[in-house]
Structures are given as structure tokens and as C-alpha cells.
C-alpha atoms as a PDB file:
ATOM      1  CA  MET A   1      43.829   5.258   7.358  1.00  0.00           C
ATOM      2  CA  SER A   2      43.904   8.461   9.215  1.00  0.00           C
ATOM      3  CA  LYS A   3      41.532   9.133  12.395  1.00  0.00           C
ATOM      4  CA  SER A   4      38.995  11.358  10.802  1.00  0.00           C
ATOM      5  CA  SER A   5      38.151   8.936   7.846  1.00  0.00           C
ATOM      6  CA  SER A   6      37.897   6.299  10.657  1.00  0.00           C
ATOM      7  CA  GLN A   7      35.186   8.329  12.831  1.00  0.00           C
ATOM      8  CA  THR A   8      33.549   8.716   9.506  1.00  0.00           C
ATOM      9  CA  LYS A   9      33.078   4.996   8.980  1.00  0.00           C
ATOM     10  CA  LYS A  10      31.794   4.470  12.545  1.00  0.00           C
ATOM     11  CA  LEU A  11      29.025   7.021  12.053  1.00  0.00           C
ATOM     12  CA  PRO A  12      26.743   5.333  10.064  1.00  0.00           C
ATOM     13  CA  VAL A  13      27.411   2.014  11.654  1.00  0.00           C
ATOM     14  CA  ALA A  14      26.082   3.692  14.841  1.00  0.00           C
ATOM     15  CA  GLY A  15      23.016   5.154  13.192  1.00  0.00           C
ATOM     16  CA  PHE A  16      22.241   1.711  12.107  1.00  0.00           C
ATOM     17  CA  PHE A  17      22.253   0.011  15.189  1.00  0.00           C
ATOM     18  CA  VAL A  18      20.218   3.100  16.728  1.00  0.00           C
ATOM     19  CA  GLY A  19      17.659   2.528  14.146  1.00  0.00           C
ATOM     20  CA  ILE A  20      17.312  -1.050  14.894  1.00  0.00           C
ATOM     21  CA  GLY A  21      17.173  -0.384  18.746  1.00  0.00           C
ATOM     22  CA  PHE A  22      14.316   2.116  18.069  1.00  0.00           C
ATOM     23  CA  LEU A  23      12.267  -0.390  15.765  1.00  0.00           C
ATOM     24  CA  ILE A  24      12.639  -3.001  18.221  1.00  0.00           C
ATOM     25  CA  THR A  25      11.519  -0.677  20.883  1.00  0.00           C
ATOM     26  CA  ALA A  26       8.640   0.247  19.256  1.00  0.00           C
ATOM     27  CA  GLY A  27       7.382  -3.016  17.933  1.00  0.00           C
ATOM     28  CA  ALA A  28       7.550  -4.334  21.675  1.00  0.00           C
ATOM     29  CA  LEU A  29       5.307  -1.471  22.537  1.00  0.00           C
ATOM     30  CA  LEU A  30       2.876  -2.028  19.882  1.00  0.00           C
ATOM     31  CA  ALA A  31       2.783  -5.914  21.093  1.00  0.00           C
ATOM     32  CA  THR A  32       2.717  -5.132  24.856  1.00  0.00           C
ATOM     33  CA  GLY A  33       0.562  -1.918  25.210  1.00  0.00           C
ATOM     34  CA  SER A  34      -3.149  -1.362  24.857  1.00  0.00           C
ATOM     35  CA  SER A  35      -4.797   1.436  23.007  1.00  0.00           C
ATOM     36  CA  VAL A  36      -6.370   4.245  24.608  1.00  0.00           C
ATOM     37  CA  ASP A  37      -9.409   5.585  23.439  1.00  0.00           C
ATOM     38  CA  ILE A  38     -10.110   9.308  24.178  1.00  0.00           C
ATOM     39  CA  PRO A  39     -13.805   9.926  25.118  1.00  0.00           C
ATOM     40  CA  LEU A  40     -15.808  12.197  22.418  1.00  0.00           C
ATOM     41  CA  VAL A  41     -18.468  14.338  23.092  1.00  0.00           C
ATOM     42  CA  ASP A  42     -20.808  16.069  21.046  1.00  0.00           C
ATOM     43  CA  LYS A  43     -20.032  19.704  20.013  1.00  0.00           C
ATOM     44  CA  PRO A  44     -22.241  22.165  22.287  1.00  0.00           C
ATOM     45  CA  MET A  45     -24.507  24.231  20.386  1.00  0.00           C
ATOM     46  CA  VAL A  46     -23.764  27.828  21.618  1.00  0.00           C
ATOM     47  CA  ARG A  47     -25.873  31.120  20.943  1.00  0.00           C
ATOM     48  CA  ALA A  48     -23.632  33.293  18.620  1.00  0.00           C
ATOM     49  CA  GLU A  49     -24.321  36.600  20.793  1.00  0.00           C
ATOM     50  CA  GLN A  50     -22.895  34.782  23.643  1.00  0.00           C
ATOM     51  CA  ILE A  51     -19.399  34.692  22.220  1.00  0.00           C
ATOM     52  CA  VAL A  52     -19.447  37.876  19.916  1.00  0.00           C
ATOM     53  CA  PRO A  53     -15.848  39.549  20.090  1.00  0.00           C
ATOM     54  CA  GLY A  54     -17.302  43.046  19.602  1.00  0.00           C
ATOM     55  CA  ALA A  55     -20.251  45.024  21.007  1.00  0.00           C
ATOM     56  CA  PHE A  56     -23.432  43.278  22.317  1.00  0.00           C
ATOM     57  CA  ARG A  57     -25.681  45.889  20.404  1.00  0.00           C
ATOM     58  CA  VAL A  58     -25.219  49.079  18.002  1.00  0.00           C
ATOM     59  CA  ALA A  59     -25.636  51.869  20.084  1.00  0.00           C
ATOM     60  CA  LEU A  60     -26.535  55.424  18.785  1.00  0.00           C
ATOM     61  CA  THR A  61     -23.856  57.468  17.323  1.00  0.00           C
ATOM     62  CA  ASP A  62     -23.226  61.102  18.650  1.00  0.00           C
ATOM     63  CA  PRO A  63     -25.118  63.107  16.918  1.00  0.00           C
ATOM     64  CA  PRO A  64     -27.760  60.456  16.893  1.00  0.00           C
ATOM     65  CA  ILE A  65     -28.903  59.355  13.673  1.00  0.00           C
ATOM     66  CA  VAL A  66     -31.817  57.024  12.630  1.00  0.00           C
ATOM     67  CA  ASN A  67     -33.017  55.756   9.459  1.00  0.00           C
ATOM     68  CA  LEU A  68     -36.587  56.623   8.512  1.00  0.00           C
ATOM     69  CA  GLY A  69     -38.140  55.663   5.108  1.00  0.00           C
ATOM     70  CA  THR A  70     -34.673  54.989   3.990  1.00  0.00           C
ATOM     71  CA  TYR A  71     -33.264  58.423   4.955  1.00  0.00           C
ATOM     72  CA  ASP A  72     -31.020  58.885   7.436  1.00  0.00           C
ATOM     73  CA  GLN A  73     -32.481  61.797   9.805  1.00  0.00           C
ATOM     74  CA  ARG A  74     -31.269  63.366  13.042  1.00  0.00           C
ATOM     75  CA  CYS A  75     -33.561  63.599  16.006  1.00  0.00           C
ATOM     76  CA  ASN A  76     -33.978  67.733  15.850  1.00  0.00           C
ATOM     77  CA  ASP A  77     -34.884  67.038  12.092  1.00  0.00           C
ATOM     78  CA  CYS A  78     -38.321  66.260  13.438  1.00  0.00           C
ATOM     79  CA  HIS A  79     -38.264  67.449  16.851  1.00  0.00           C
ATOM     80  CA  SER A  80     -37.958  71.003  16.000  1.00  0.00           C
ATOM     81  CA  LEU A  81     -41.027  71.162  14.133  1.00  0.00           C
ATOM     82  CA  PHE A  82     -43.453  70.569  16.798  1.00  0.00           C
ATOM     83  CA  LYS A  83     -43.820  70.993  20.704  1.00  0.00           C
ATOM     84  CA  ASN A  84     -41.635  68.540  22.392  1.00  0.00           C
ATOM     85  CA  GLU A  85     -44.257  67.369  24.971  1.00  0.00           C
ATOM     86  CA  ARG A  86     -46.965  64.377  24.974  1.00  0.00           C
ATOM     87  CA  PRO A  87     -49.782  64.209  27.473  1.00  0.00           C
ATOM     88  CA  ASP A  88     -49.450  60.887  29.216  1.00  0.00           C
ATOM     89  CA  ASP A  89     -52.549  59.749  27.578  1.00  0.00           C
ATOM     90  CA  ARG A  90     -51.719  60.216  24.005  1.00  0.00           C
ATOM     91  CA  ALA A  91     -50.431  57.233  22.251  1.00  0.00           C
ATOM     92  CA  LEU A  92     -47.237  57.270  20.298  1.00  0.00           C
ATOM     93  CA  THR A  93     -47.245  57.914  16.817  1.00  0.00           C
ATOM     94  CA  GLN A  94     -43.227  57.591  16.024  1.00  0.00           C
ATOM     95  CA  HIS A  95     -40.782  55.177  17.997  1.00  0.00           C
ATOM     96  CA  THR A  96     -43.625  52.705  18.247  1.00  0.00           C
ATOM     97  CA  ASN A  97     -40.923  50.133  18.093  1.00  0.00           C
ATOM     98  CA  ILE A  98     -39.632  51.146  21.617  1.00  0.00           C
ATOM     99  CA  THR A  99     -40.769  49.229  24.596  1.00  0.00           C
ATOM    100  CA  LEU A 100     -40.011  51.304  27.943  1.00  0.00           C
ATOM    101  CA  SER A 101     -39.339  49.040  30.736  1.00  0.00           C
ATOM    102  CA  HIS A 102     -36.556  50.915  32.723  1.00  0.00           C
ATOM    103  CA  GLY A 103     -38.144  50.617  36.265  1.00  0.00           C
ATOM    104  CA  ASN A 104     -39.415  53.869  37.844  1.00  0.00           C
ATOM    105  CA  ASN A 105     -37.666  55.515  34.597  1.00  0.00           C
ATOM    106  CA  ASP A 106     -40.557  55.641  32.640  1.00  0.00           C
ATOM    107  CA  ALA A 107     -40.562  59.087  31.107  1.00  0.00           C
ATOM    108  CA  CYS A 108     -38.554  60.151  27.796  1.00  0.00           C
ATOM    109  CA  LEU A 109     -37.465  63.470  29.151  1.00  0.00           C
ATOM    110  CA  ASN A 110     -36.116  61.743  32.297  1.00  0.00           C
ATOM    111  CA  CYS A 111     -33.066  60.996  29.803  1.00  0.00           C
ATOM    112  CA  HIS A 112     -33.589  63.089  26.672  1.00  0.00           C
ATOM    113  CA  ASP A 113     -33.225  66.765  26.731  1.00  0.00           C
ATOM    114  CA  LYS A 114     -36.238  68.531  26.122  1.00  0.00           C
ATOM    115  CA  ASP A 115     -34.985  71.343  24.135  1.00  0.00           C
ATOM    116  CA  ASN A 116     -32.575  69.449  22.199  1.00  0.00           C
ATOM    117  CA  ARG A 117     -33.157  65.888  21.549  1.00  0.00           C
ATOM    118  CA  GLU A 118     -29.903  65.115  20.416  1.00  0.00           C
ATOM    119  CA  LYS A 119     -28.621  65.550  23.761  1.00  0.00           C
ATOM    120  CA  LEU A 120     -28.884  63.790  26.936  1.00  0.00           C
ATOM    121  CA  THR A 121     -30.029  65.518  30.339  1.00  0.00           C
ATOM    122  CA  LEU A 122     -28.208  65.318  33.406  1.00  0.00           C
ATOM    123  CA  ARG A 123     -29.086  66.522  37.007  1.00  0.00           C
ATOM    124  CA  GLY A 124     -29.154  70.240  37.058  1.00  0.00           C
ATOM    125  CA  GLY A 125     -29.830  71.055  33.601  1.00  0.00           C
ATOM    126  CA  LYS A 126     -26.506  69.728  32.290  1.00  0.00           C
ATOM    127  CA  THR A 127     -26.503  67.968  29.012  1.00  0.00           C
ATOM    128  CA  VAL A 128     -24.024  65.593  27.350  1.00  0.00           C
ATOM    129  CA  GLY A 129     -23.730  63.946  23.912  1.00  0.00           C
ATOM    130  CA  TYR A 130     -24.804  60.244  22.944  1.00  0.00           C
ATOM    131  CA  ASP A 131     -20.735  59.280  23.084  1.00  0.00           C
ATOM    132  CA  HIS A 132     -20.912  60.138  26.880  1.00  0.00           C
ATOM    133  CA  VAL A 133     -23.859  57.788  27.885  1.00  0.00           C
ATOM    134  CA  GLU A 134     -22.313  56.491  30.638  1.00  0.00           C
ATOM    135  CA  LYS A 135     -22.615  59.859  32.513  1.00  0.00           C
ATOM    136  CA  LEU A 136     -26.026  59.701  32.316  1.00  0.00           C
ATOM    137  CA  CYS A 137     -26.193  55.926  33.540  1.00  0.00           C
ATOM    138  CA  ALA A 138     -23.946  56.971  36.680  1.00  0.00           C
ATOM    139  CA  GLU A 139     -26.603  59.272  38.067  1.00  0.00           C
ATOM    140  CA  CYS A 140     -28.908  56.410  39.050  1.00  0.00           C
ATOM    141  CA  HIS A 141     -26.440  53.331  38.865  1.00  0.00           C
ATOM    142  CA  GLY A 142     -23.392  54.725  40.729  1.00  0.00           C
ATOM    143  CA  PRO A 143     -22.124  51.419  42.112  1.00  0.00           C
ATOM    144  CA  ILE A 144     -22.391  49.586  38.647  1.00  0.00           C
ATOM    145  CA  TYR A 145     -20.607  52.714  37.246  1.00  0.00           C
ATOM    146  CA  ARG A 146     -17.649  52.348  39.456  1.00  0.00           C
ATOM    147  CA  ASP A 147     -17.680  48.744  38.732  1.00  0.00           C
ATOM    148  CA  TRP A 148     -17.369  49.707  35.079  1.00  0.00           C
ATOM    149  CA  GLN A 149     -14.656  52.222  35.783  1.00  0.00           C
ATOM    150  CA  SER A 150     -12.391  49.578  37.430  1.00  0.00           C
ATOM    151  CA  GLY A 151     -13.152  46.866  34.622  1.00  0.00           C
ATOM    152  CA  ALA A 152     -15.395  44.719  36.852  1.00  0.00           C
ATOM    153  CA  HIS A 153     -18.427  45.500  34.959  1.00  0.00           C
ATOM    154  CA  GLY A 154     -18.759  45.331  31.467  1.00  0.00           C
ATOM    155  CA  LYS A 155     -16.633  44.505  28.478  1.00  0.00           C
ATOM    156  CA  THR A 156     -13.188  45.615  27.225  1.00  0.00           C
ATOM    157  CA  ILE A 157     -12.050  44.498  23.887  1.00  0.00           C
ATOM    158  CA  GLY A 158      -8.658  45.209  22.066  1.00  0.00           C
ATOM    159  CA  TYR A 159      -5.065  44.881  23.632  1.00  0.00           C
ATOM    160  CA  TRP A 160      -4.428  44.225  27.681  1.00  0.00           C
ATOM    161  CA  ASN A 161      -0.777  45.556  26.741  1.00  0.00           C
ATOM    162  CA  THR A 162      -1.656  48.894  25.157  1.00  0.00           C
ATOM    163  CA  ASP A 163       1.594  49.123  23.511  1.00  0.00           C
ATOM    164  CA  LEU A 164       0.646  46.909  21.008  1.00  0.00           C
ATOM    165  CA  GLY A 165      -2.882  48.538  20.324  1.00  0.00           C
ATOM    166  CA  GLU A 166      -5.751  50.382  21.934  1.00  0.00           C
ATOM    167  CA  ALA A 167      -8.205  48.947  24.686  1.00  0.00           C
ATOM    168  CA  VAL A 168     -11.617  49.875  24.373  1.00  0.00           C
ATOM    169  CA  LYS A 169     -14.200  49.852  27.282  1.00  0.00           C
ATOM    170  CA  LEU A 170     -17.790  49.511  25.861  1.00  0.00           C
ATOM    171  CA  LYS A 171     -20.245  51.916  26.927  1.00  0.00           C
ATOM    172  CA  CYS A 172     -23.621  51.219  28.631  1.00  0.00           C
ATOM    173  CA  SER A 173     -25.580  51.159  25.520  1.00  0.00           C
ATOM    174  CA  GLU A 174     -23.206  49.094  23.644  1.00  0.00           C
ATOM    175  CA  CYS A 175     -24.462  46.128  25.962  1.00  0.00           C
ATOM    176  CA  HIS A 176     -27.736  47.097  27.279  1.00  0.00           C
ATOM    177  CA  ASP A 177     -30.781  48.488  25.482  1.00  0.00           C
ATOM    178  CA  PRO A 178     -31.445  52.154  27.309  1.00  0.00           C
ATOM    179  CA  HIS A 179     -35.167  51.584  27.070  1.00  0.00           C
ATOM    180  CA  HIS A 180     -35.363  48.093  28.122  1.00  0.00           C
ATOM    181  CA  PRO A 181     -31.658  47.322  29.913  1.00  0.00           C
ATOM    182  CA  ALA A 182     -32.251  43.728  31.477  1.00  0.00           C
ATOM    183  CA  TYR A 183     -31.264  40.943  29.664  1.00  0.00           C
ATOM    184  CA  ALA A 184     -33.354  38.175  28.239  1.00  0.00           C
ATOM    185  CA  PRO A 185     -32.644  35.044  29.956  1.00  0.00           C
ATOM    186  CA  MET A 186     -29.915  33.130  28.517  1.00  0.00           C
ATOM    187  CA  ALA A 187     -28.681  29.390  28.827  1.00  0.00           C
ATOM    188  CA  PRO A 188     -25.291  29.290  30.303  1.00  0.00           C
ATOM    189  CA  LEU A 189     -22.253  28.550  28.200  1.00  0.00           C
ATOM    190  CA  PRO A 190     -21.482  24.533  28.509  1.00  0.00           C
ATOM    191  CA  GLY A 191     -18.729  23.954  31.259  1.00  0.00           C
ATOM    192  CA  PRO A 192     -15.130  22.842  30.025  1.00  0.00           C
ATOM    193  CA  ASN A 193     -14.826  19.447  28.936  1.00  0.00           C
ATOM    194  CA  THR A 194     -11.133  18.067  29.174  1.00  0.00           C
ATOM    195  CA  LEU A 195      -9.386  14.788  28.938  1.00  0.00           C
ATOM    196  CA  ARG A 196      -9.293  15.148  33.038  1.00  0.00           C
ATOM    197  CA  MET A 197     -12.837  14.699  33.003  1.00  0.00           C
ATOM    198  CA  GLY A 198     -14.595  11.178  32.816  1.00  0.00           C
ATOM    199  CA  ASP A 199     -17.831   9.728  32.564  1.00  0.00           C
ATOM    200  CA  GLN A 200     -17.911   7.146  35.374  1.00  0.00           C
ATOM    201  CA  HIS A 201     -18.356   7.926  39.084  1.00  0.00           C
ATOM    202  CA  SER A 202     -15.936   6.783  41.722  1.00  0.00           C
ATOM    203  CA  GLY A 203     -16.732   5.592  45.109  1.00  0.00           C
ATOM    204  CA  HIS A 204     -16.141   9.371  46.014  1.00  0.00           C
ATOM    205  CA  GLY A 205     -18.970  10.624  43.942  1.00  0.00           C
ATOM    206  CA  GLU A 206     -16.039  11.887  41.479  1.00  0.00           C
ATOM    207  CA  LEU A 207     -16.097  11.520  37.577  1.00  0.00           C
ATOM    208  CA  ILE A 208     -13.564   8.642  36.446  1.00  0.00           C
ATOM    209  CA  ASP A 209     -13.015   7.403  33.101  1.00  0.00           C
ATOM    210  CA  SER A 210     -11.164   4.165  33.006  1.00  0.00           C
ATOM    211  CA  ARG A 211      -9.924   4.923  29.326  1.00  0.00           C
ATOM    212  CA  ASN A 212      -8.804   7.977  30.180  1.00  0.00           C
ATOM    213  CA  PRO A 213      -4.833   7.988  30.717  1.00  0.00           C
ATOM    214  CA  LEU A 214      -4.751  11.107  32.814  1.00  0.00           C
ATOM    215  CA  GLN A 215      -7.318   9.300  35.185  1.00  0.00           C
ATOM    216  CA  ARG A 216      -5.511   5.792  35.521  1.00  0.00           C
ATOM    217  CA  TRP A 217      -3.266   6.758  38.576  1.00  0.00           C
ATOM    218  CA  ARG A 218      -6.740   7.705  40.475  1.00  0.00           C
ATOM    219  CA  LEU A 219      -8.180   4.275  39.381  1.00  0.00           C
ATOM    220  CA  LEU A 220      -4.802   2.453  40.445  1.00  0.00           C
ATOM    221  CA  GLU A 221      -4.576   4.948  43.925  1.00  0.00           C
ATOM    222  CA  GLU A 222      -8.183   3.876  44.783  1.00  0.00           C
ATOM    223  CA  GLY A 223      -7.577   0.108  44.482  1.00  0.00           C
ATOM    224  CA  SER A 224      -4.266   0.325  46.440  1.00  0.00           C
ATOM    225  CA  THR A 225      -6.145   1.996  49.217  1.00  0.00           C
ATOM    226  CA  SER A 226      -8.941  -0.519  49.169  1.00  0.00           C
ATOM    227  CA  HIS A 227      -6.111  -3.371  48.975  1.00  0.00           C
ATOM    228  CA  ASP A 228      -4.384  -1.969  51.918  1.00  0.00           C
ATOM    229  CA  ALA A 229      -7.739  -1.511  53.765  1.00  0.00           C
ATOM    230  CA  GLY A 230      -8.566  -5.000  53.229  1.00  0.00           C
ATOM    231  CA  HIS A 231      -5.386  -6.440  54.876  1.00  0.00           C
ATOM    232  CA  GLY A 232      -5.251  -3.753  57.338  1.00  0.00           C
ATOM    233  CA  GLY A 233      -5.647  -6.712  60.270  1.00  0.00           C
ATOM    234  CA  ASP A 234      -2.350  -8.592  58.669  1.00  0.00           C
ATOM    235  CA  HIS A 235      -0.264  -5.815  59.592  1.00  0.00           C
END
């Protein structure tokens, strides 16, 4: 018999004994081991707008277009027909859906250009389009604007690695209503709930779950410490 044919016969025999060994080991573990119940919690309820991946709100485009009576209208379609001034004591007849609550900024013409309502007005008479609303906001909110520029304020979506795709920094009005910029109160998102978090308190005020395999070492450690402390006079 050649050496190669002898090795061919030994391989199935070795595999058989390996299989038998595995079955014996598995049987021993099942017989002596204890099952572990992984703690489950109710699925937290989260408001959809808190985790929306895109913009928080739909901002006006440049030029701004609104839908009136099923027709898309630009601002100047109406504002070019009458004098663009309103006495303080005269109630609004249009834009009644707007609630103006922007601190001391309580007049339309503080932001909207008097002669061209499709532009936003800056200090010194300069104007910008609605696609550069951040330049208008920066005139009063300088520190927040600098934070926005550096990425510490606001929201950036897309790709961190711009070689893979575009990174889009959302503008102010894509998160804040410019007429009422403060957010309504929101319930905080639920905290993380992992296997390392239990539901029983240890002597140190920490959460421990005896069913949690990732916390058993803590219980054993506390038991060893208590045992050593109780026999401290024997040493």
C-alpha cells in the first residue's frame, strides 16, 4: 500500500473521533451549564421628527414660491400690485398662518426687502436670496453662525468622506421656522440599553443583573471582596 492511500484512510477515522469528541463536549456543557435569560425591555416610543435623516422642515426656495388657491405664486406676483407698507394697527389679511415670535425682531421689513419681497435685506441695504438665509441670520446670531460654519451647530447630512459623495450642511431655515425659531419642547430620546446594563442595584448603587453574563464578574468580584473583608482578622 502506498503512503498516500494510507493517509487517505486515516483522515476519515480522525474526523470521526473529532466529531465524537465534539458531541461529548456539547453534551457535557448542556448537562452542567445553566441557561442565560437575556433581559428584554419594551421598545421605546420615539417621535419620528427626532430621528428624521433629512431636513427638519421644508424651507422656501430661491426665488420663494408659495401655493395660493392651488396656484404657485412668487412673492412679487402680489407685492408688486400695492404699496409694501402696513401700519402697525392694521391686521394682516394675508399670511395669517404666520406667528411672529422672534424676540425683538417683530417687523416684517427687518428681514424682507421693502422693494423686492423675493430678497432678504442685510445691514447697509444689501440683499441676498433665500438660498443664502444664513447670511441674514448671521447678522444677529454671530456666535451661532460661527458654530454652524465649524459644524458644532446644525446638521450635516451626506458623506463624511467627500470622495464618496457630497456633504450637505443644512441652512438655518431647514431646521428653524424663521418667524418662530424656538423649538417646541421635546421629550429626550431614550438612553442606550445594552447587555451591560442590568435592572438590580448593587451595594454601590450601580445597576447589576444576575442574569446578565457580562455582569457576572461584577457579582463574583463583590462576593470575593465581601468574603475577604469578613475574614480580615484571620490574616
